[in-house]
Amino acid sequence: MTELAKEENLNKKLWLNSLKLFLKIALIMIAMFFFVIAILFYLAPKADAKIFNFFGLTKVEEKCYEQIYKNSGNTSDLYNLIIFDMEHDYFKQELNNIEKMFKAEDYEAFCKKLNASGIKSANGNKSLYPYVADTNSFFKSQQLRCEIKLGLAGKNDDWKDRAIKLILQNLTDDNLFDISFESSMNLIGLSDKLSVSEKTDFAKQLSQKIIDGKSFQEILNEKAEKIKMAEGLDEVQKILLKNAEVKLYAGQYYFEVMLSGGKETELAQQILEKHSAAMSEYKNLLSSKN
């Protein structure tokens, strides 16, 4: 072997050894990185969430928010997790976490606190009140939305029964501000994943329900009457209530159109007139100074 060949062979060995050393160091650094990430996941998941957010790993980031809630047990951290799930359309996770929220010992106190915070953050913008001033209605609407979205995606076989049950529960409970009926009718009525006949079938199933001896139509009429008869409300509550009335008529309209096979019946037109009148009153409330 010539001196030149020996030198080339030596250089080759040195290059291979350098490459091996570099790869070993790189592997050690990667291992250390993931080790630190794993430790942070349990000790400082907020830091991990920022890292995964930077890399666009939202599903792993969601796990960090889960861990934050597990570590603290705070309802506020559960709320942040729900909002994250909602913003990323993680319907199954959001539904599970909303059900946890309803079971929280401080649920009512948390809702009141968030309502007050929402009104303050609205800073007098009355049109924002329906979105920030009734946390309980927000959760109920989101719960129903998740059930329907999962059902339409084929992930809940019994979604119709579950959705109907929630619709009826929300219509008959004490919260007059709830707007989940409209949002559910909107989702189903405008869905491109259901045929006209499937929508009609859903509406028929809902219309045939009897609760405490009352038909579905009687339940709707009673809800509307309770909204009109409500007294002793402050300004925010009046706005919430009128918004609920507007949404109730909108939901009734979608329901009637579905029930009649996609046709706008005379009854649907009458409901639209009520909706227009309520909307006019709602706008007056928003524009009033007091």
Protein backbone atom coordinates (compact mmCIF):
# COMPACT_ATOMS: atom_id res chain seq x y z
CA MET A 1 0.00 0.00 0.00
CA THR A 2 1.42 3.37 -0.99
CA GLU A 3 1.83 6.26 1.43
CA LEU A 4 -0.99 8.09 -0.39
CA ALA A 5 -3.31 5.12 -0.02
CA LYS A 6 -2.44 4.83 3.67
CA GLU A 7 -3.16 8.51 4.20
CA GLU A 8 -6.53 8.23 2.38
CA ASN A 9 -7.44 5.16 4.45
CA LEU A 10 -6.54 6.98 7.65
CA ASN A 11 -8.57 10.03 6.66
CA LYS A 12 -11.51 7.74 5.87
CA LYS A 13 -11.30 6.12 9.31
CA LEU A 14 -11.02 9.51 11.00
CA TRP A 15 -14.10 10.74 9.06
CA LEU A 16 -16.09 7.63 9.99
CA ASN A 17 -15.08 7.93 13.63
CA SER A 18 -16.06 11.62 13.63
CA LEU A 19 -19.39 10.77 12.05
CA LYS A 20 -20.03 8.03 14.64
CA LEU A 21 -19.15 10.43 17.45
CA PHE A 22 -21.43 13.09 16.00
CA LEU A 23 -24.31 10.62 15.69
CA LYS A 24 -23.78 9.39 19.26
CA ILE A 25 -23.80 12.98 20.58
CA ALA A 26 -26.88 13.78 18.48
CA LEU A 27 -28.70 10.69 19.79
CA ILE A 28 -27.76 11.55 23.36
CA MET A 29 -29.01 15.12 22.89
CA ILE A 30 -32.27 13.91 21.33
CA ALA A 31 -32.73 11.41 24.15
CA MET A 32 -32.03 14.14 26.72
CA PHE A 33 -34.51 16.44 24.95
CA PHE A 34 -37.29 13.87 25.11
CA PHE A 35 -36.34 12.99 28.68
CA VAL A 36 -36.68 16.64 29.68
CA ILE A 37 -39.98 16.87 27.77
CA ALA A 38 -41.24 13.77 29.59
CA ILE A 39 -40.26 15.20 32.97
CA LEU A 40 -41.85 18.56 32.14
CA PHE A 41 -45.04 16.79 31.06
CA TYR A 42 -45.65 15.82 34.70
CA LEU A 43 -43.89 18.65 36.51
CA ALA A 44 -44.44 21.65 34.21
CA PRO A 45 -46.97 20.73 31.48
CA LYS A 46 -47.55 24.42 30.65
CA ALA A 47 -43.97 24.66 29.38
CA ASP A 48 -44.49 21.50 27.34
CA ALA A 49 -47.71 22.90 25.86
CA LYS A 50 -45.79 25.92 24.54
CA ILE A 51 -43.16 23.67 22.97
CA PHE A 52 -45.72 21.44 21.24
CA ASN A 53 -47.69 24.50 20.14
CA PHE A 54 -44.53 25.85 18.48
CA PHE A 55 -44.15 22.63 16.50
CA GLY A 56 -47.87 22.50 15.66
CA LEU A 57 -48.40 19.22 17.57
CA THR A 58 -51.89 20.09 18.80
CA LYS A 59 -52.93 16.57 19.79
CA VAL A 60 -49.93 16.27 22.08
CA GLU A 61 -50.51 19.83 23.28
CA GLU A 62 -54.03 18.78 24.27
CA LYS A 63 -52.53 16.04 26.45
CA CYS A 64 -50.50 18.72 28.22
CA TYR A 65 -53.67 20.67 29.05
CA GLU A 66 -55.16 17.42 30.33
CA GLN A 67 -52.14 16.97 32.58
CA ILE A 68 -52.38 20.57 33.81
CA TYR A 69 -55.94 19.85 34.94
CA LYS A 70 -54.94 16.49 36.51
CA ASN A 71 -52.16 18.19 38.45
CA SER A 72 -54.30 21.05 39.76
CA GLY A 73 -57.86 19.71 39.79
CA ASN A 74 -58.95 23.32 39.26
CA THR A 75 -62.19 23.98 37.39
CA SER A 76 -60.50 26.89 35.59
CA ASP A 77 -57.93 24.49 34.10
CA LEU A 78 -60.74 22.16 33.02
CA TYR A 79 -62.38 25.16 31.33
CA ASN A 80 -59.16 25.95 29.46
CA LEU A 81 -59.01 22.32 28.31
CA ILE A 82 -62.60 22.50 27.04
CA ILE A 83 -61.88 25.71 25.12
CA PHE A 84 -58.79 24.11 23.57
CA ASP A 85 -60.84 21.08 22.50
CA MET A 86 -63.55 23.34 21.09
CA GLU A 87 -61.12 25.45 19.08
CA HIS A 88 -59.56 22.33 17.53
CA ASP A 89 -62.81 20.40 16.95
CA TYR A 90 -61.84 17.57 19.32
CA PHE A 91 -65.51 16.78 19.85
CA LYS A 92 -65.12 13.52 21.77
CA GLN A 93 -62.64 14.97 24.23
CA GLU A 94 -64.67 18.15 24.61
CA LEU A 95 -67.83 16.17 25.34
CA ASN A 96 -66.08 14.10 28.01
CA ASN A 97 -64.61 17.20 29.62
CA ILE A 98 -67.92 19.10 29.60
CA GLU A 99 -69.51 16.18 31.44
CA LYS A 100 -66.70 16.45 34.01
CA MET A 101 -67.41 20.17 34.28
CA PHE A 102 -71.08 19.57 35.11
CA LYS A 103 -69.96 17.31 37.99
CA ALA A 104 -67.51 19.84 39.46
CA GLU A 105 -68.37 20.77 43.06
CA ASP A 106 -67.84 24.48 42.38
CA TYR A 107 -69.62 24.47 39.00
CA GLU A 108 -72.30 27.04 39.89
CA ALA A 109 -69.81 29.36 41.60
CA PHE A 110 -67.44 29.02 38.65
CA CYS A 111 -70.22 29.92 36.18
CA LYS A 112 -71.17 33.01 38.21
CA LYS A 113 -67.55 34.11 38.38
CA LEU A 114 -67.03 33.62 34.65
CA ASN A 115 -70.30 35.41 33.85
CA ALA A 116 -69.20 38.44 35.85
CA SER A 117 -65.78 38.36 34.22
CA GLY A 118 -67.38 38.10 30.78
CA ILE A 119 -69.65 41.09 31.38
CA LYS A 120 -66.67 43.11 32.58
CA SER A 121 -64.57 42.14 29.56
CA ALA A 122 -67.46 43.08 27.23
CA ASN A 123 -66.96 46.61 28.58
CA GLY A 124 -70.51 47.74 27.89
CA ASN A 125 -70.77 46.12 24.44
CA LYS A 126 -74.27 44.70 24.90
CA SER A 127 -74.14 42.58 21.74
CA LEU A 128 -71.44 40.46 23.41
CA TYR A 129 -73.51 39.65 26.51
CA PRO A 130 -75.26 36.57 25.02
CA TYR A 131 -71.82 35.10 24.29
CA VAL A 132 -70.10 35.79 27.60
CA ALA A 133 -72.78 36.22 30.27
CA ASP A 134 -74.25 32.74 30.63
CA THR A 135 -71.58 30.07 31.00
CA ASN A 136 -74.08 27.35 31.88
CA SER A 137 -75.93 27.83 28.57
CA PHE A 138 -72.61 27.85 26.75
CA PHE A 139 -71.66 24.44 28.15
CA LYS A 140 -75.08 22.96 27.39
CA SER A 141 -74.98 24.20 23.81
CA GLN A 142 -71.48 22.83 23.36
CA GLN A 143 -72.50 19.47 24.84
CA LEU A 144 -75.34 19.19 22.34
CA ARG A 145 -73.13 20.40 19.50
CA CYS A 146 -70.55 17.70 20.25
CA GLU A 147 -73.20 14.97 20.35
CA ILE A 148 -74.53 16.05 16.95
CA LYS A 149 -71.11 16.54 15.37
CA LEU A 150 -69.95 13.10 16.53
CA GLY A 151 -73.21 11.59 15.30
CA LEU A 152 -72.91 13.20 11.87
CA ALA A 153 -69.34 11.92 11.67
CA GLY A 154 -70.60 8.39 12.36
CA LYS A 155 -68.90 8.11 15.75
CA ASN A 156 -72.08 7.89 17.87
CA ASP A 157 -74.57 5.28 16.70
CA ASP A 158 -77.25 6.45 19.13
CA TRP A 159 -76.67 10.17 18.57
CA LYS A 160 -80.28 10.91 17.64
CA ASP A 161 -81.65 9.54 20.91
CA ARG A 162 -78.93 11.30 22.89
CA ALA A 163 -79.48 14.60 21.07
CA ILE A 164 -83.26 14.44 21.51
CA LYS A 165 -82.81 13.71 25.22
CA LEU A 166 -80.52 16.74 25.66
CA ILE A 167 -82.81 19.00 23.61
CA LEU A 168 -85.78 18.10 25.81
CA GLN A 169 -83.78 18.43 29.04
CA ASN A 170 -82.58 21.90 28.07
CA LEU A 171 -86.03 23.04 26.97
CA THR A 172 -87.66 21.96 30.24
CA ASP A 173 -84.99 23.04 32.75
CA ASP A 174 -85.11 26.28 34.74
CA ASN A 175 -82.58 28.20 32.67
CA LEU A 176 -84.62 30.46 30.39
CA PHE A 177 -81.48 31.85 28.76
CA ASP A 178 -80.50 28.54 27.14
CA ILE A 179 -80.10 28.64 23.34
CA SER A 180 -79.06 25.04 22.66
CA PHE A 181 -82.36 24.23 20.90
CA GLU A 182 -81.66 26.71 18.12
CA SER A 183 -78.04 25.63 17.71
CA SER A 184 -79.03 21.96 17.46
CA MET A 185 -81.83 22.63 14.94
CA ASN A 186 -79.41 24.77 12.95
CA LEU A 187 -76.73 22.07 12.88
CA ILE A 188 -79.14 19.33 11.84
CA GLY A 189 -81.30 21.45 9.53
CA LEU A 190 -78.34 22.78 7.55
CA SER A 191 -76.28 19.57 7.58
CA ASP A 192 -75.19 18.26 4.18
CA LYS A 193 -74.60 14.82 5.70
CA LEU A 194 -78.29 14.15 6.24
CA SER A 195 -80.90 13.74 3.52
CA VAL A 196 -84.21 15.62 3.65
CA SER A 197 -85.97 12.42 4.71
CA GLU A 198 -83.45 11.83 7.52
CA LYS A 199 -83.98 15.36 8.81
CA THR A 200 -87.74 14.88 8.65
CA ASP A 201 -87.43 11.60 10.52
CA PHE A 202 -85.40 13.30 13.26
CA ALA A 203 -87.98 16.08 13.59
CA LYS A 204 -90.81 13.53 13.75
CA GLN A 205 -89.04 11.59 16.52
CA LEU A 206 -88.62 14.82 18.46
CA SER A 207 -92.20 15.97 17.86
CA GLN A 208 -93.65 12.69 19.14
CA LYS A 209 -91.98 12.95 22.56
CA ILE A 210 -94.18 13.44 25.60
CA ILE A 211 -92.66 14.93 28.78
CA ASP A 212 -94.73 14.97 31.97
CA GLY A 213 -97.90 14.67 29.89
CA LYS A 214 -96.93 17.57 27.60
CA SER A 215 -96.37 17.28 23.86
CA PHE A 216 -93.25 18.73 22.28
CA GLN A 217 -95.22 21.64 20.80
CA GLU A 218 -96.67 22.38 24.24
CA ILE A 219 -93.16 22.40 25.68
CA LEU A 220 -92.05 24.95 23.06
CA ASN A 221 -95.10 27.14 23.70
CA GLU A 222 -94.54 26.95 27.46
CA LYS A 223 -90.90 27.94 27.06
CA ALA A 224 -91.88 30.96 24.95
CA GLU A 225 -94.54 31.95 27.51
CA LYS A 226 -92.10 31.68 30.42
CA ILE A 227 -89.65 33.91 28.55
CA LYS A 228 -92.35 36.54 27.97
CA MET A 229 -93.59 36.41 31.58
CA ALA A 230 -90.16 36.66 33.25
CA GLU A 231 -89.90 39.55 35.70
CA GLY A 232 -87.37 41.24 37.96
CA LEU A 233 -84.48 41.11 35.50
CA ASP A 234 -81.49 43.42 35.28
CA GLU A 235 -80.27 44.87 31.98
CA VAL A 236 -77.96 41.98 31.13
CA GLN A 237 -80.63 39.39 31.92
CA LYS A 238 -83.17 41.21 29.75
CA ILE A 239 -80.76 41.07 26.82
CA LEU A 240 -80.03 37.39 27.45
CA LEU A 241 -83.73 36.59 27.69
CA LYS A 242 -84.66 38.44 24.50
CA ASN A 243 -81.76 36.72 22.71
CA ALA A 244 -83.10 33.39 23.97
CA GLU A 245 -86.54 34.25 22.58
CA VAL A 246 -85.04 35.10 19.18
CA LYS A 247 -83.14 31.81 19.18
CA LEU A 248 -86.18 29.82 20.30
CA TYR A 249 -88.22 31.05 17.31
CA ALA A 250 -85.29 30.41 14.98
CA GLY A 251 -85.07 26.85 16.31
CA GLN A 252 -88.82 26.40 15.87
CA TYR A 253 -88.54 27.58 12.27
CA TYR A 254 -85.79 25.05 11.44
CA PHE A 255 -87.79 22.35 13.20
CA GLU A 256 -91.01 23.11 11.30
CA VAL A 257 -89.21 23.15 7.93
CA MET A 258 -87.56 19.80 8.70
CA LEU A 259 -90.85 18.33 9.92
CA SER A 260 -92.59 19.33 6.68
CA GLY A 261 -89.94 17.74 4.47
CA GLY A 262 -87.97 20.90 3.76
CA LYS A 263 -91.01 23.01 2.89
CA GLU A 264 -91.77 26.44 4.30
CA THR A 265 -95.30 25.98 5.61
CA GLU A 266 -97.77 28.62 6.75
CA LEU A 267 -96.84 27.78 10.35
CA ALA A 268 -93.17 28.34 9.51
CA GLN A 269 -94.07 31.76 8.13
CA GLN A 270 -95.93 32.61 11.34
CA ILE A 271 -92.91 31.59 13.39
CA LEU A 272 -90.71 33.82 11.21
CA GLU A 273 -92.98 36.76 11.97
CA LYS A 274 -92.58 36.12 15.71
CA HIS A 275 -88.83 35.83 15.17
CA SER A 276 -88.73 39.19 13.35
CA ALA A 277 -90.72 40.90 16.11
CA ALA A 278 -88.43 39.46 18.83
CA MET A 279 -85.36 40.44 16.82
CA SER A 280 -86.61 44.02 16.56
CA GLU A 281 -87.11 44.15 20.33
CA TYR A 282 -83.67 42.63 20.84
CA LYS A 283 -82.03 45.31 18.69
CA ASN A 284 -83.87 48.02 20.64
CA LEU A 285 -82.48 46.60 23.88
CA LEU A 286 -78.97 46.66 22.45
CA SER A 287 -79.30 50.25 21.28
CA SER A 288 -80.96 51.61 24.44
CA LYS A 289 -78.77 53.70 26.76
CA ASN A 290 -80.18 52.37 30.05
